[in-house]
Amino acid sequence: MERLKNMDLKKAFFVLSVCCIMVSLLILLLLLVFCGNIRDSYPAGGIEIRSDGTTIILEGPTKDQQRILEIIDVLQLLACILLPVGGLGAAGVLFYHIKLKMPIAVLQKGTERILNHDLDFSVPEVSKDELGQICRGFETMRAELLKANQELWEQAEERKRLNAAFSHDLRNPVTVLKGTIKLIRQGKEDGQAFERLEDYVLRIENYVEAMGGIQRLEQLPFQERECAYSQLHAELLDTVKFLAPAMETSVIVPETGHVKLDHGIFLNVAENLIRNGARFAQNNLSVYLEAREGCLLLTVADDGPGYPEKLLRDGPRPFGKMSEETEHFGMGLYSARILCLKHRGSLELKNPAGGGASATAIFRIN
């Protein structure tokens, strides 16, 4: 039975049809033999001519026997028609129960749950035939829908956090501006009032620019193309020389080969991580690039003070400044994380045991 379940549909229906027809023909043969034995047990009637030329009238069947013989004739005729047809019908019924019933039920149940916006289930593998393949494809579709919904939910949550952080960080500049304007109207302004107005207006402008930059990152199209490791090595070297010219740096990249990725996203993430590492590094900055298990890993390590525990615990957050520098809004790591997610990857931060900080951008490339 298990072997029959794993056959393809055409072969399984052919095997069931042949088996059922053979069984029906066997039953028909037994029925014909049985009817023949009954017929032989009754007198046939007629005339017997012996060798000496005399004739004898044989005993004929009685009326009851003749009626039974007529019923047997009709039964044999109907059996010759109905038994083969019944064999095909039985093959169809068996084919439905063995090959179709379970996959159809599984697909119907899965469809109902998806229509009810319930994706927290799995479609079992019922067989290895065509319907089993459809069930596997249905499970793949369900998993992709669940993944897409999770990504949409994460994007919505990120947008909420971004808007909340933006509103929170704007509150102080707006309060200062309102207070300064009030003092100016009352004629109580000090010598730094207009300078303060200019500084905080510039600060708000920078906040708005940062928000616009994040929105542009989210709207970037995802475009993969083949890139040689030698090209990535040269670009990483140029970026490190430009952003960390006074430090001891090293860039380690596979010597040969190609990788398929979104070149723009990769360079943007690399620039953000290297710039962030250069800000906090004391003397050394290292960049490593390697391919592992269907992913491309870009690691930027520095010998600085390391990441705060809150950043390691909660991950990069919008406007998550690690210092009070007004020109930095803490958006570099957050932007890198957004771009890694866009490349179906992630961003991992840690403080190595030997000191310093390490940021690893993971890009899925398979």
Protein backbone atom coordinates (compact mmCIF):
# COMPACT_ATOMS: atom_id res chain seq x y z
CA MET A 1 0.00 0.00 0.00
CA GLU A 2 2.84 2.40 0.86
CA ARG A 3 4.45 1.69 -2.49
CA LEU A 4 1.17 2.44 -4.24
CA LYS A 5 0.87 5.75 -2.35
CA ASN A 6 4.26 6.86 -3.65
CA MET A 7 3.55 5.96 -7.30
CA ASP A 8 2.76 8.75 -9.73
CA LEU A 9 -0.96 9.21 -10.45
CA LYS A 10 -1.04 7.68 -13.95
CA LYS A 11 0.84 4.56 -12.93
CA ALA A 12 -1.21 4.12 -9.76
CA PHE A 13 -4.52 4.41 -11.64
CA PHE A 14 -3.30 1.94 -14.28
CA VAL A 15 -2.22 -0.60 -11.64
CA LEU A 16 -5.50 -0.29 -9.71
CA SER A 17 -7.56 -0.57 -12.92
CA VAL A 18 -5.72 -3.70 -14.07
CA CYS A 19 -6.03 -5.34 -10.66
CA CYS A 20 -9.73 -4.55 -10.28
CA ILE A 21 -10.58 -5.70 -13.83
CA MET A 22 -8.66 -8.94 -13.32
CA VAL A 23 -10.56 -9.56 -10.08
CA SER A 24 -13.86 -8.79 -11.80
CA LEU A 25 -13.00 -11.20 -14.68
CA LEU A 26 -12.06 -13.88 -12.16
CA ILE A 27 -15.40 -13.43 -10.40
CA LEU A 28 -17.13 -13.54 -13.80
CA LEU A 29 -15.36 -16.80 -14.66
CA LEU A 30 -16.37 -18.37 -11.34
CA LEU A 31 -19.94 -17.20 -11.88
CA LEU A 32 -20.03 -18.71 -15.39
CA VAL A 33 -18.67 -22.03 -14.07
CA PHE A 34 -21.22 -22.04 -11.27
CA CYS A 35 -24.09 -21.30 -13.67
CA GLY A 36 -22.79 -23.98 -16.03
CA ASN A 37 -22.83 -26.56 -13.25
CA ILE A 38 -26.43 -25.66 -12.40
CA ARG A 39 -27.39 -25.90 -16.09
CA ASP A 40 -25.73 -29.31 -16.38
CA SER A 41 -27.65 -30.61 -13.36
CA TYR A 42 -30.99 -29.99 -15.09
CA PRO A 43 -32.39 -32.23 -17.91
CA ALA A 44 -31.74 -30.69 -21.29
CA GLY A 45 -34.66 -32.40 -23.23
CA GLY A 46 -34.48 -33.13 -26.94
CA ILE A 47 -34.14 -36.45 -28.92
CA GLU A 48 -31.41 -39.09 -28.65
CA ILE A 49 -30.69 -41.23 -31.78
CA ARG A 50 -29.05 -44.52 -30.94
CA SER A 51 -26.78 -46.66 -33.13
CA ASP A 52 -29.57 -49.05 -34.11
CA GLY A 53 -31.57 -46.16 -35.49
CA THR A 54 -34.10 -45.94 -32.73
CA THR A 55 -34.93 -42.56 -31.26
CA ILE A 56 -35.68 -41.71 -27.66
CA ILE A 57 -37.30 -38.53 -26.48
CA LEU A 58 -35.27 -37.19 -23.53
CA GLU A 59 -36.87 -35.70 -20.47
CA GLY A 60 -37.10 -31.92 -20.69
CA PRO A 61 -36.81 -29.43 -17.83
CA THR A 62 -39.88 -28.63 -15.80
CA LYS A 63 -41.46 -25.20 -15.84
CA ASP A 64 -39.67 -24.24 -12.63
CA GLN A 65 -36.34 -25.47 -14.00
CA GLN A 66 -36.93 -23.64 -17.27
CA ARG A 67 -37.58 -20.43 -15.30
CA ILE A 68 -34.32 -20.91 -13.39
CA LEU A 69 -32.41 -21.50 -16.63
CA GLU A 70 -33.82 -18.28 -18.06
CA ILE A 71 -32.75 -16.39 -14.92
CA ILE A 72 -29.26 -17.89 -15.25
CA ASP A 73 -29.05 -16.70 -18.88
CA VAL A 74 -30.03 -13.16 -17.88
CA LEU A 75 -27.62 -13.27 -14.91
CA GLN A 76 -24.73 -14.34 -17.15
CA LEU A 77 -25.49 -11.56 -19.64
CA LEU A 78 -25.66 -8.90 -16.91
CA ALA A 79 -22.50 -10.23 -15.25
CA CYS A 80 -20.56 -9.97 -18.53
CA ILE A 81 -21.51 -6.26 -18.67
CA LEU A 82 -21.61 -5.17 -15.03
CA LEU A 83 -18.61 -6.93 -13.54
CA PRO A 84 -15.95 -5.28 -15.79
CA VAL A 85 -17.68 -1.89 -15.37
CA GLY A 86 -17.87 -2.48 -11.63
CA GLY A 87 -14.15 -3.31 -11.64
CA LEU A 88 -13.38 0.07 -13.21
CA GLY A 89 -15.69 1.77 -10.70
CA ALA A 90 -13.97 0.02 -7.81
CA ALA A 91 -10.61 1.12 -9.23
CA GLY A 92 -11.84 4.73 -9.24
CA VAL A 93 -13.07 4.50 -5.65
CA LEU A 94 -9.83 2.93 -4.45
CA PHE A 95 -7.82 5.50 -6.41
CA TYR A 96 -9.69 8.34 -4.69
CA HIS A 97 -9.30 6.91 -1.18
CA ILE A 98 -5.65 5.91 -1.61
CA LYS A 99 -4.29 8.76 -3.73
CA LEU A 100 -6.64 11.74 -3.61
CA LYS A 101 -8.60 11.88 -0.37
CA MET A 102 -5.81 12.83 2.05
CA PRO A 103 -3.98 15.38 -0.18
CA ILE A 104 -7.27 17.11 -1.07
CA ALA A 105 -8.25 17.27 2.61
CA VAL A 106 -4.84 18.65 3.57
CA LEU A 107 -4.97 21.31 0.85
CA GLN A 108 -8.55 22.28 1.70
CA LYS A 109 -7.71 22.65 5.40
CA GLY A 110 -4.58 24.65 4.60
CA THR A 111 -6.51 26.94 2.24
CA GLU A 112 -9.16 27.59 4.89
CA ARG A 113 -6.53 28.50 7.49
CA ILE A 114 -4.76 30.85 5.07
CA LEU A 115 -8.08 32.50 4.18
CA ASN A 116 -8.58 33.03 7.93
CA HIS A 117 -5.12 34.70 8.08
CA ASP A 118 -3.70 31.81 10.10
CA LEU A 119 -0.22 30.85 8.89
CA ASP A 120 0.96 29.16 12.08
CA PHE A 121 0.74 25.59 10.80
CA SER A 122 2.59 23.24 8.49
CA VAL A 123 1.42 21.14 5.54
CA PRO A 124 2.46 17.48 6.02
CA GLU A 125 4.14 15.55 3.23
CA VAL A 126 1.44 13.04 2.31
CA SER A 127 3.17 11.22 -0.57
CA LYS A 128 5.85 11.52 -3.22
CA ASP A 129 3.53 11.71 -6.24
CA GLU A 130 2.29 14.79 -8.08
CA LEU A 131 -0.16 15.72 -5.31
CA GLY A 132 2.61 15.30 -2.76
CA GLN A 133 4.67 17.76 -4.77
CA ILE A 134 1.73 20.18 -4.79
CA CYS A 135 1.50 19.84 -0.99
CA ARG A 136 5.22 20.56 -0.69
CA GLY A 137 4.80 23.59 -2.94
CA PHE A 138 1.83 24.69 -0.81
CA GLU A 139 4.00 24.41 2.31
CA THR A 140 6.72 26.47 0.63
CA MET A 141 4.13 29.11 -0.30
CA ARG A 142 2.79 29.15 3.29
CA ALA A 143 6.31 29.56 4.68
CA GLU A 144 7.04 32.41 2.26
CA LEU A 145 3.75 34.12 3.17
CA LEU A 146 4.59 33.77 6.86
CA LYS A 147 8.06 35.17 6.24
CA ALA A 148 6.66 38.07 4.22
CA ASN A 149 4.09 38.84 6.94
CA GLN A 150 6.80 38.75 9.59
CA GLU A 151 8.96 41.08 7.53
CA LEU A 152 6.03 43.47 7.04
CA TRP A 153 5.31 43.35 10.77
CA GLU A 154 8.97 44.03 11.56
CA GLN A 155 9.02 46.91 9.09
CA ALA A 156 5.88 48.36 10.68
CA GLU A 157 7.42 48.03 14.14
CA GLU A 158 10.65 49.62 12.91
CA ARG A 159 8.66 52.49 11.44
CA LYS A 160 6.84 52.96 14.77
CA ARG A 161 10.14 52.97 16.66
CA LEU A 162 11.65 55.38 14.13
CA ASN A 163 8.73 57.78 14.39
CA ALA A 164 8.72 57.55 18.19
CA ALA A 165 12.46 58.22 18.39
CA PHE A 166 12.17 61.08 15.92
CA SER A 167 9.34 62.68 17.90
CA HIS A 168 11.20 62.23 21.18
CA ASP A 169 14.44 63.75 19.89
CA LEU A 170 12.61 66.70 18.31
CA ARG A 171 10.87 67.58 21.55
CA ASN A 172 13.91 69.23 23.14
CA PRO A 173 14.92 71.41 20.13
CA VAL A 174 11.34 72.54 19.63
CA THR A 175 11.05 73.44 23.32
CA VAL A 176 14.28 75.45 23.17
CA LEU A 177 13.16 77.26 20.01
CA LYS A 178 9.79 78.16 21.51
CA GLY A 179 11.42 79.44 24.68
CA THR A 180 13.96 81.51 22.76
CA ILE A 181 11.26 83.05 20.55
CA LYS A 182 9.23 83.88 23.65
CA LEU A 183 12.24 85.63 25.22
CA ILE A 184 12.86 87.60 21.99
CA ARG A 185 9.25 88.78 21.90
CA GLN A 186 9.52 89.91 25.52
CA GLY A 187 12.77 91.73 24.77
CA LYS A 188 14.71 89.59 27.25
CA GLU A 189 16.95 87.77 24.80
CA ASP A 190 20.63 87.33 25.61
CA GLY A 191 23.54 87.71 23.21
CA GLN A 192 23.40 84.03 22.22
CA ALA A 193 19.69 83.87 21.35
CA PHE A 194 20.07 84.08 17.58
CA GLU A 195 23.08 81.76 17.65
CA ARG A 196 20.99 79.28 19.63
CA LEU A 197 18.15 79.62 17.13
CA GLU A 198 20.52 78.93 14.26
CA ASP A 199 22.05 75.88 15.99
CA TYR A 200 18.72 74.27 16.82
CA VAL A 201 17.21 75.00 13.41
CA LEU A 202 20.26 73.28 11.88
CA ARG A 203 19.79 70.41 14.30
CA ILE A 204 16.14 69.96 13.27
CA GLU A 205 17.20 70.12 9.63
CA ASN A 206 19.70 67.33 10.26
CA TYR A 207 17.02 65.26 12.00
CA VAL A 208 14.69 65.64 9.02
CA GLU A 209 17.52 64.74 6.63
CA ALA A 210 18.29 61.63 8.68
CA MET A 211 14.63 60.58 8.57
CA GLY A 212 14.52 61.13 4.82
CA GLY A 213 17.69 59.08 4.42
CA ILE A 214 16.16 56.10 6.24
CA GLN A 215 13.03 56.27 4.10
CA ARG A 216 15.16 56.34 0.95
CA LEU A 217 17.05 53.27 2.18
CA GLU A 218 13.77 51.39 2.68
CA GLN A 219 12.71 52.24 -0.86
CA LEU A 220 15.95 51.13 -2.51
CA PRO A 221 15.36 48.44 -5.17
CA PHE A 222 17.10 45.12 -4.55
CA GLN A 223 19.34 44.29 -7.53
CA GLU A 224 21.82 41.42 -7.42
CA ARG A 225 24.78 41.07 -9.78
CA GLU A 226 28.05 39.18 -10.00
CA CYS A 227 31.00 40.90 -8.29
CA ALA A 228 34.59 39.68 -8.14
CA TYR A 229 36.23 39.46 -4.73
CA SER A 230 39.14 41.45 -6.14
CA GLN A 231 36.77 44.35 -6.90
CA LEU A 232 35.28 44.25 -3.39
CA HIS A 233 38.78 44.12 -1.92
CA ALA A 234 39.84 47.26 -3.81
CA GLU A 235 36.67 49.13 -2.81
CA LEU A 236 37.03 48.19 0.86
CA LEU A 237 40.68 49.32 0.80
CA ASP A 238 39.67 52.71 -0.64
CA THR A 239 36.90 53.13 1.93
CA VAL A 240 39.22 52.29 4.83
CA LYS A 241 41.92 54.68 3.56
CA PHE A 242 39.39 57.49 3.19
CA LEU A 243 37.57 57.03 6.53
CA ALA A 244 40.49 55.90 8.73
CA PRO A 245 43.64 57.44 7.18
CA ALA A 246 45.64 57.72 10.41
CA MET A 247 45.04 54.19 11.75
CA GLU A 248 46.65 50.82 11.34
CA THR A 249 44.23 48.95 9.11
CA SER A 250 43.92 45.54 7.47
CA VAL A 251 41.48 44.25 4.88
CA ILE A 252 41.19 40.47 4.39
CA VAL A 253 39.11 39.24 1.44
CA PRO A 254 39.12 35.90 -0.45
CA GLU A 255 41.74 36.08 -3.18
CA THR A 256 39.73 34.59 -6.05
CA GLY A 257 36.13 33.97 -7.02
CA HIS A 258 32.88 35.83 -7.51
CA VAL A 259 29.83 36.49 -5.40
CA LYS A 260 26.29 37.51 -6.37
CA LEU A 261 24.94 40.37 -4.26
CA ASP A 262 23.48 43.86 -4.34
CA HIS A 263 26.63 45.90 -4.83
CA GLY A 264 25.10 49.19 -3.70
CA ILE A 265 23.71 47.76 -0.47
CA PHE A 266 27.03 46.06 0.30
CA LEU A 267 29.06 49.25 -0.15
CA ASN A 268 26.57 51.32 1.86
CA VAL A 269 26.72 48.88 4.79
CA ALA A 270 30.51 48.65 4.58
CA GLU A 271 30.84 52.44 4.65
CA ASN A 272 28.54 52.77 7.68
CA LEU A 273 30.35 50.06 9.66
CA ILE A 274 33.83 51.34 8.78
CA ARG A 275 32.87 54.94 9.61
CA ASN A 276 31.41 53.84 12.94
CA GLY A 277 34.49 51.73 13.74
CA ALA A 278 36.84 54.58 12.80
CA ARG A 279 35.04 56.93 15.20
CA PHE A 280 35.65 54.75 18.23
CA ALA A 281 38.87 52.90 17.32
CA GLN A 282 42.05 53.93 19.08
CA ASN A 283 44.76 52.60 16.76
CA ASN A 284 43.61 49.52 14.82
CA LEU A 285 40.74 48.83 12.43
CA SER A 286 40.28 45.45 10.70
CA VAL A 287 37.90 44.40 7.94
CA TYR A 288 37.19 40.74 7.11
CA LEU A 289 35.08 39.34 4.27
CA GLU A 290 34.20 35.65 3.95
CA ALA A 291 31.52 33.41 2.45
CA ARG A 292 29.98 30.83 4.75
CA GLU A 293 26.86 28.60 4.49
CA GLY A 294 25.15 30.58 1.74
CA CYS A 295 25.94 33.95 3.33
CA LEU A 296 28.54 36.67 2.84
CA LEU A 297 29.90 37.96 6.16
CA LEU A 298 31.47 41.42 6.42
CA THR A 299 33.12 42.01 9.83
CA VAL A 300 34.54 45.33 10.99
CA ALA A 301 36.53 45.15 14.25
CA ASP A 302 38.18 47.97 16.20
CA ASP A 303 40.18 48.34 19.41
CA GLY A 304 37.89 50.95 20.92
CA PRO A 305 35.90 50.84 24.17
CA GLY A 306 33.32 48.42 22.80
CA TYR A 307 29.56 48.69 22.43
CA PRO A 308 27.36 49.63 25.40
CA GLU A 309 25.45 46.79 27.00
CA LYS A 310 22.12 48.37 26.03
CA LEU A 311 23.13 48.42 22.37
CA LEU A 312 24.24 44.78 22.50
CA ARG A 313 21.02 43.79 24.24
CA ASP A 314 18.47 45.78 22.21
CA GLY A 315 20.33 46.18 18.91
CA PRO A 316 20.69 49.39 16.88
CA ARG A 317 17.83 51.83 17.34
CA PRO A 318 17.00 55.00 15.37
CA PHE A 319 18.62 58.10 16.86
CA GLY A 320 20.36 55.84 19.35
CA LYS A 321 23.32 58.13 20.08
CA MET A 322 26.19 56.58 22.05
CA SER A 323 27.56 60.04 22.87
CA GLU A 324 26.26 63.59 23.14
CA GLU A 325 27.79 64.73 19.85
CA THR A 326 25.07 66.71 18.12
CA GLU A 327 26.44 66.00 14.65
CA HIS A 328 25.95 62.25 15.09
CA PHE A 329 22.48 60.80 15.51
CA GLY A 330 23.45 57.15 15.91
CA MET A 331 21.91 56.26 12.54
CA GLY A 332 24.93 54.48 11.02
CA LEU A 333 24.40 51.09 12.66
CA TYR A 334 20.62 51.40 12.30
CA SER A 335 20.97 52.13 8.56
CA ALA A 336 23.34 49.15 8.19
CA ARG A 337 20.80 46.92 9.95
CA ILE A 338 17.98 48.09 7.66
CA LEU A 339 20.09 47.34 4.57
CA CYS A 340 21.14 43.91 5.88
CA LEU A 341 17.48 43.00 6.39
CA LYS A 342 16.80 44.17 2.84
CA HIS A 343 19.49 41.70 1.67
CA ARG A 344 17.72 38.90 3.64
CA GLY A 345 20.42 39.00 6.28
CA SER A 346 21.11 40.59 9.67
CA LEU A 347 23.57 42.67 11.68
CA GLU A 348 25.37 41.18 14.70
CA LEU A 349 27.20 43.28 17.28
CA LYS A 350 29.52 41.97 19.98
CA ASN A 351 32.44 42.88 22.19
CA PRO A 352 35.24 40.31 21.69
CA ALA A 353 36.92 38.83 24.75
CA GLY A 354 40.18 40.59 23.91
CA GLY A 355 38.54 44.03 23.95
CA GLY A 356 37.20 46.37 21.33
CA ALA A 357 34.06 46.02 19.25
CA SER A 358 33.02 43.88 16.31
CA ALA A 359 30.12 44.37 13.88
CA THR A 360 29.24 41.61 11.40
CA ALA A 361 26.92 42.30 8.48
CA ILE A 362 25.38 39.11 7.06
CA PHE A 363 24.14 39.12 3.46
CA ARG A 364 22.27 36.04 2.18
CA ILE A 365 23.67 35.21 -1.27
CA ASN A 366 22.21 31.80 -2.21
